[in-house]
Amino acid sequence: MILIHELWKDESQGQFTFCLAGPAGDKARSLLEGKAVKIWECEADCHFEAMTKYYEYQGWGVYTTKFKQDYWPYIDKMGNIEEPSVPPHRASGFGK
């Protein structure tokens, strides 16, 4: 399941918020103060993909995670989820 993620910048505070688009991101966007504008968006099918794109956009280098579930695909509305097939180079360091 592919979800849209948005990057917001609070112009008055100079802070960024990266959250899901639509109702799923309403609570995160409600924390924005001042004049916030959406400056970027991307699509991703899991947390790892979203954060990888976000890091690339910000120029922060390579995103890494130690959490296996970050590679799991997002759940659809029916609650269906498949165990991901994590490429071996990404799975190194994970316990059994």
Protein backbone atom coordinates (compact mmCIF):
# COMPACT_ATOMS: atom_id res chain seq x y z
CA MET A 1 0.00 0.00 0.00
CA ILE A 2 1.53 3.29 -1.08
CA LEU A 3 0.93 6.33 1.11
CA ILE A 4 1.63 10.00 0.45
CA HIS A 5 3.89 11.78 2.93
CA GLU A 6 4.16 15.56 3.25
CA LEU A 7 6.93 17.84 4.46
CA TRP A 8 5.73 21.04 6.11
CA LYS A 9 7.83 24.02 7.13
CA ASP A 10 6.67 26.38 9.82
CA GLU A 11 7.93 29.68 8.44
CA SER A 12 7.75 31.49 11.77
CA GLN A 13 9.60 28.79 13.73
CA GLY A 14 11.82 27.39 10.96
CA GLN A 15 10.77 23.86 11.99
CA PHE A 16 9.91 20.93 9.75
CA THR A 17 7.16 18.33 10.13
CA PHE A 18 7.19 15.17 8.00
CA CYS A 19 3.90 13.32 8.22
CA LEU A 20 1.28 11.37 6.32
CA ALA A 21 -1.05 13.26 3.99
CA GLY A 22 -4.77 13.44 4.67
CA PRO A 23 -6.58 12.50 7.87
CA ALA A 24 -3.74 10.23 9.04
CA GLY A 25 -1.50 13.30 9.39
CA ASP A 26 -4.07 15.66 10.91
CA LYS A 27 -2.72 15.34 14.47
CA ALA A 28 0.85 16.01 13.39
CA ARG A 29 -0.17 19.05 11.34
CA SER A 30 -2.27 20.36 14.22
CA LEU A 31 0.97 20.86 16.17
CA LEU A 32 2.28 23.33 13.61
CA GLU A 33 2.29 26.88 14.86
CA GLY A 34 2.42 30.06 12.84
CA LYS A 35 2.45 30.07 9.09
CA ALA A 36 3.20 26.55 7.86
CA VAL A 37 3.49 25.64 4.19
CA LYS A 38 3.77 22.28 2.49
CA ILE A 39 7.11 22.31 0.68
CA TRP A 40 7.44 18.71 -0.58
CA GLU A 41 5.71 15.36 -0.78
CA CYS A 42 6.59 11.80 -1.71
CA GLU A 43 5.02 8.37 -2.00
CA ALA A 44 6.26 5.34 -0.08
CA ASP A 45 5.07 1.84 0.74
CA CYS A 46 6.90 1.57 4.09
CA HIS A 47 8.52 3.72 6.76
CA PHE A 48 12.04 2.97 5.51
CA GLU A 49 11.24 4.13 1.97
CA ALA A 50 9.59 7.34 3.25
CA MET A 51 12.52 8.20 5.50
CA THR A 52 15.07 7.35 2.79
CA LYS A 53 13.38 9.82 0.43
CA TYR A 54 13.12 12.43 3.19
CA TYR A 55 16.83 12.13 4.04
CA GLU A 56 17.73 12.42 0.35
CA TYR A 57 15.55 15.53 0.00
CA GLN A 58 17.10 17.17 3.05
CA GLY A 59 20.63 16.20 2.00
CA TRP A 60 21.27 14.36 5.26
CA GLY A 61 22.98 11.32 3.74
CA VAL A 62 21.83 7.72 3.95
CA TYR A 63 18.94 6.83 6.25
CA THR A 64 19.55 3.74 8.37
CA THR A 65 17.46 1.87 10.89
CA LYS A 66 17.96 -0.98 13.31
CA PHE A 67 14.27 -1.88 13.36
CA LYS A 68 13.20 -4.71 11.06
CA GLN A 69 9.57 -3.52 11.09
CA ASP A 70 10.59 -0.27 9.37
CA TYR A 71 10.85 -2.33 6.18
CA TRP A 72 7.36 -3.80 6.53
CA PRO A 73 4.80 -2.48 4.07
CA TYR A 74 2.04 -0.23 5.33
CA ILE A 75 -1.19 -2.00 6.27
CA ASP A 76 -4.25 -1.56 4.07
CA LYS A 77 -7.66 -0.59 5.47
CA MET A 78 -8.59 -4.24 5.95
CA GLY A 79 -5.55 -4.81 8.17
CA ASN A 80 -3.75 -6.98 5.64
CA ILE A 81 0.02 -6.99 5.75
CA GLU A 82 2.63 -9.23 4.21
CA GLU A 83 5.94 -10.13 5.77
CA PRO A 84 8.47 -8.23 3.66
CA SER A 85 11.29 -9.78 1.77
CA VAL A 86 14.12 -7.57 2.96
CA PRO A 87 17.12 -7.58 0.64
CA PRO A 88 20.11 -9.24 2.37
CA HIS A 89 22.23 -6.05 2.34
CA ARG A 90 19.50 -4.25 4.26
CA ALA A 91 18.84 -7.09 6.67
CA SER A 92 22.41 -7.50 7.87
CA GLY A 93 22.71 -7.06 11.57
CA PHE A 94 19.16 -8.15 12.35
CA GLY A 95 18.76 -10.91 14.91
CA LYS A 96 16.79 -14.05 14.26
